[in-house]
Amino acid sequence: MIRRALLAAALAATTLAVLPAGTAQARACKIDHYCTTTYYSDAALTNAVGGKQEDCDGTTRTWGVRGPYLTWYESPCF
């Protein structure tokens, strides 16, 4: 029984180490805030590939795709 548990733990650790990293994740926009997320394909942030805008009334607009690098802006609604 202990051998099975050790084998399962070793297999899980190996599997997690091999999986590639996903795209960058922006944090959630707070209630009553305006948020803009822009995704880029390069670390220099020169090539925008997608974005998300969350308005004060809850409207969300997205475009393009998520890239590995991002900028994120949040501002309270007045």
N, C-alpha and C. Protein backbone atom coordinates (compact mmCIF):
# COMPACT_ATOMS: atom_id res chain seq x y z
N MET A 1 0.82 -1.19 0.00
CA MET A 1 0.00 0.00 0.00
C MET A 1 0.86 1.25 0.00
N ILE A 2 1.91 1.25 0.81
CA ILE A 2 2.80 2.41 0.87
C ILE A 2 3.55 2.57 -0.45
N ARG A 3 3.93 1.45 -1.06
CA ARG A 3 4.63 1.53 -2.34
C ARG A 3 3.76 2.18 -3.41
N ARG A 4 2.47 1.85 -3.43
CA ARG A 4 1.56 2.45 -4.40
C ARG A 4 1.45 3.96 -4.19
N ALA A 5 1.35 4.37 -2.94
CA ALA A 5 1.25 5.80 -2.65
C ALA A 5 2.51 6.53 -3.07
N LEU A 6 3.67 5.94 -2.79
CA LEU A 6 4.94 6.56 -3.18
C LEU A 6 5.07 6.62 -4.70
N LEU A 7 4.67 5.55 -5.38
CA LEU A 7 4.73 5.53 -6.84
C LEU A 7 3.79 6.58 -7.44
N ALA A 8 2.59 6.69 -6.89
CA ALA A 8 1.64 7.68 -7.38
C ALA A 8 2.17 9.09 -7.17
N ALA A 9 2.77 9.36 -6.02
CA ALA A 9 3.33 10.69 -5.73
C ALA A 9 4.48 11.00 -6.68
N ALA A 10 5.34 10.04 -6.92
CA ALA A 10 6.47 10.24 -7.83
C ALA A 10 5.98 10.49 -9.26
N LEU A 11 4.97 9.75 -9.68
CA LEU A 11 4.42 9.94 -11.02
C LEU A 11 3.78 11.31 -11.16
N ALA A 12 3.05 11.74 -10.16
CA ALA A 12 2.41 13.06 -10.20
C ALA A 12 3.46 14.16 -10.26
N ALA A 13 4.52 14.05 -9.47
CA ALA A 13 5.58 15.06 -9.47
C ALA A 13 6.27 15.12 -10.82
N THR A 14 6.52 13.98 -11.42
CA THR A 14 7.17 13.94 -12.74
C THR A 14 6.26 14.54 -13.80
N THR A 15 4.98 14.22 -13.76
CA THR A 15 4.04 14.74 -14.74
C THR A 15 3.93 16.26 -14.64
N LEU A 16 3.84 16.79 -13.42
CA LEU A 16 3.74 18.23 -13.25
C LEU A 16 5.00 18.95 -13.69
N ALA A 17 6.15 18.33 -13.53
CA ALA A 17 7.41 18.96 -13.93
C ALA A 17 7.53 19.04 -15.45
N VAL A 18 6.86 18.16 -16.18
CA VAL A 18 6.99 18.09 -17.63
C VAL A 18 5.98 19.00 -18.33
N LEU A 19 4.87 19.34 -17.69
CA LEU A 19 3.86 20.16 -18.33
C LEU A 19 4.39 21.56 -18.63
N PRO A 20 4.09 22.10 -19.81
CA PRO A 20 4.56 23.45 -20.14
C PRO A 20 3.77 24.51 -19.36
N ALA A 21 4.38 25.66 -19.19
CA ALA A 21 3.71 26.76 -18.51
C ALA A 21 2.62 27.33 -19.40
N GLY A 22 1.53 27.77 -18.80
CA GLY A 22 0.42 28.34 -19.54
C GLY A 22 0.64 29.83 -19.80
N THR A 23 -0.38 30.47 -20.33
CA THR A 23 -0.29 31.90 -20.57
C THR A 23 -0.43 32.67 -19.27
N ALA A 24 -0.02 33.90 -19.28
CA ALA A 24 -0.09 34.73 -18.08
C ALA A 24 -1.54 34.97 -17.68
N GLN A 25 -1.78 35.05 -16.40
CA GLN A 25 -3.11 35.28 -15.87
C GLN A 25 -3.16 36.61 -15.14
N ALA A 26 -4.09 37.44 -15.51
CA ALA A 26 -4.28 38.71 -14.80
C ALA A 26 -5.13 38.43 -13.56
N ARG A 27 -4.99 39.28 -12.56
CA ARG A 27 -5.83 39.08 -11.38
C ARG A 27 -7.25 39.56 -11.68
N ALA A 28 -8.18 39.16 -10.84
CA ALA A 28 -9.59 39.51 -11.06
C ALA A 28 -9.82 41.00 -10.81
N CYS A 29 -10.71 41.57 -11.58
CA CYS A 29 -11.08 42.97 -11.43
C CYS A 29 -12.02 43.10 -10.23
N LYS A 30 -11.76 44.06 -9.36
CA LYS A 30 -12.59 44.27 -8.17
C LYS A 30 -13.95 44.83 -8.58
N ILE A 31 -14.94 44.62 -7.73
CA ILE A 31 -16.27 45.19 -7.95
C ILE A 31 -16.17 46.71 -7.90
N ASP A 32 -16.90 47.38 -8.75
CA ASP A 32 -16.89 48.84 -8.87
C ASP A 32 -15.53 49.40 -9.28
N HIS A 33 -14.84 48.67 -10.16
CA HIS A 33 -13.56 49.11 -10.72
C HIS A 33 -13.58 48.90 -12.22
N TYR A 34 -12.81 49.71 -12.91
CA TYR A 34 -12.59 49.60 -14.35
C TYR A 34 -11.22 48.95 -14.53
N CYS A 35 -11.13 47.89 -15.34
CA CYS A 35 -9.86 47.19 -15.52
C CYS A 35 -9.57 46.97 -17.00
N THR A 36 -8.30 47.07 -17.35
CA THR A 36 -7.84 46.80 -18.70
C THR A 36 -6.61 45.88 -18.62
N THR A 37 -6.65 44.80 -19.35
CA THR A 37 -5.54 43.87 -19.45
C THR A 37 -5.12 43.80 -20.91
N THR A 38 -3.83 43.94 -21.17
CA THR A 38 -3.31 43.81 -22.53
C THR A 38 -2.26 42.70 -22.52
N TYR A 39 -2.41 41.74 -23.43
CA TYR A 39 -1.49 40.61 -23.54
C TYR A 39 -0.50 40.85 -24.68
N TYR A 40 0.75 40.47 -24.45
CA TYR A 40 1.82 40.66 -25.43
C TYR A 40 2.52 39.34 -25.72
N SER A 41 3.13 39.25 -26.89
CA SER A 41 3.84 38.03 -27.27
C SER A 41 5.32 38.07 -26.88
N ASP A 42 5.83 39.24 -26.45
CA ASP A 42 7.25 39.35 -26.12
C ASP A 42 7.45 40.11 -24.81
N ALA A 43 8.58 39.87 -24.17
CA ALA A 43 8.89 40.48 -22.87
C ALA A 43 9.07 41.99 -22.96
N ALA A 44 9.41 42.50 -24.13
CA ALA A 44 9.59 43.95 -24.30
C ALA A 44 8.24 44.67 -24.42
N LEU A 45 7.15 43.92 -24.46
CA LEU A 45 5.79 44.46 -24.55
C LEU A 45 5.59 45.33 -25.79
N THR A 46 6.13 44.86 -26.92
CA THR A 46 6.01 45.63 -28.16
C THR A 46 4.94 45.09 -29.09
N ASN A 47 4.55 43.82 -28.94
CA ASN A 47 3.59 43.22 -29.86
C ASN A 47 2.35 42.77 -29.10
N ALA A 48 1.32 43.63 -29.03
CA ALA A 48 0.07 43.28 -28.36
C ALA A 48 -0.68 42.24 -29.19
N VAL A 49 -1.10 41.15 -28.54
CA VAL A 49 -1.80 40.09 -29.25
C VAL A 49 -3.24 39.90 -28.77
N GLY A 50 -3.63 40.61 -27.70
CA GLY A 50 -4.99 40.49 -27.20
C GLY A 50 -5.23 41.38 -26.00
N GLY A 51 -6.48 41.44 -25.58
CA GLY A 51 -6.79 42.27 -24.44
C GLY A 51 -8.17 42.00 -23.89
N LYS A 52 -8.42 42.58 -22.71
CA LYS A 52 -9.71 42.46 -22.03
C LYS A 52 -10.00 43.77 -21.33
N GLN A 53 -11.22 44.27 -21.49
CA GLN A 53 -11.65 45.50 -20.83
C GLN A 53 -12.90 45.19 -20.02
N GLU A 54 -12.88 45.56 -18.73
CA GLU A 54 -14.02 45.35 -17.85
C GLU A 54 -14.50 46.71 -17.37
N ASP A 55 -15.73 47.09 -17.76
CA ASP A 55 -16.28 48.40 -17.44
C ASP A 55 -16.95 48.41 -16.07
N CYS A 56 -17.26 49.60 -15.60
CA CYS A 56 -17.89 49.79 -14.28
C CYS A 56 -19.27 49.15 -14.20
N ASP A 57 -19.97 49.05 -15.32
CA ASP A 57 -21.31 48.46 -15.31
C ASP A 57 -21.30 46.94 -15.46
N GLY A 58 -20.09 46.34 -15.51
CA GLY A 58 -19.97 44.89 -15.64
C GLY A 58 -19.78 44.39 -17.05
N THR A 59 -19.83 45.28 -18.03
CA THR A 59 -19.61 44.88 -19.41
C THR A 59 -18.15 44.45 -19.60
N THR A 60 -17.95 43.33 -20.30
CA THR A 60 -16.60 42.83 -20.57
C THR A 60 -16.41 42.69 -22.07
N ARG A 61 -15.29 43.21 -22.57
CA ARG A 61 -14.93 43.10 -23.99
C ARG A 61 -13.57 42.43 -24.07
N THR A 62 -13.43 41.49 -24.99
CA THR A 62 -12.14 40.84 -25.21
C THR A 62 -11.81 40.87 -26.70
N TRP A 63 -10.53 40.76 -27.00
CA TRP A 63 -10.09 40.68 -28.39
C TRP A 63 -8.79 39.89 -28.45
N GLY A 64 -8.51 39.25 -29.56
CA GLY A 64 -7.27 38.53 -29.78
C GLY A 64 -7.12 37.31 -28.89
N VAL A 65 -5.87 37.05 -28.51
CA VAL A 65 -5.53 35.88 -27.70
C VAL A 65 -4.72 36.30 -26.48
N ARG A 66 -4.60 35.40 -25.53
CA ARG A 66 -3.76 35.66 -24.37
C ARG A 66 -2.31 35.35 -24.72
N GLY A 67 -1.41 36.22 -24.35
CA GLY A 67 0.01 35.99 -24.55
C GLY A 67 0.69 35.75 -23.22
N PRO A 68 1.97 35.41 -23.24
CA PRO A 68 2.69 35.08 -22.00
C PRO A 68 3.04 36.30 -21.15
N TYR A 69 2.92 37.50 -21.69
CA TYR A 69 3.28 38.72 -20.94
C TYR A 69 2.07 39.65 -20.94
N LEU A 70 1.92 40.43 -19.87
CA LEU A 70 0.75 41.30 -19.81
C LEU A 70 1.01 42.57 -19.02
N THR A 71 0.17 43.56 -19.30
CA THR A 71 0.09 44.76 -18.47
C THR A 71 -1.34 44.79 -17.96
N TRP A 72 -1.49 45.35 -16.76
CA TRP A 72 -2.81 45.33 -16.14
C TRP A 72 -3.04 46.68 -15.47
N TYR A 73 -4.22 47.26 -15.68
CA TYR A 73 -4.56 48.56 -15.12
C TYR A 73 -5.92 48.46 -14.43
N GLU A 74 -6.02 49.03 -13.24
CA GLU A 74 -7.27 49.03 -12.49
C GLU A 74 -7.52 50.42 -11.93
N SER A 75 -8.77 50.89 -12.02
CA SER A 75 -9.13 52.21 -11.50
C SER A 75 -10.52 52.14 -10.89
N PRO A 76 -10.73 52.76 -9.74
CA PRO A 76 -12.08 52.74 -9.13
C PRO A 76 -13.08 53.54 -9.98
N CYS A 77 -14.33 53.10 -9.95
CA CYS A 77 -15.40 53.82 -10.65
C CYS A 77 -15.88 54.95 -9.74
N PHE A 78 -16.29 56.06 -10.35
CA PHE A 78 -16.76 57.20 -9.56
C PHE A 78 -18.21 57.45 -9.78
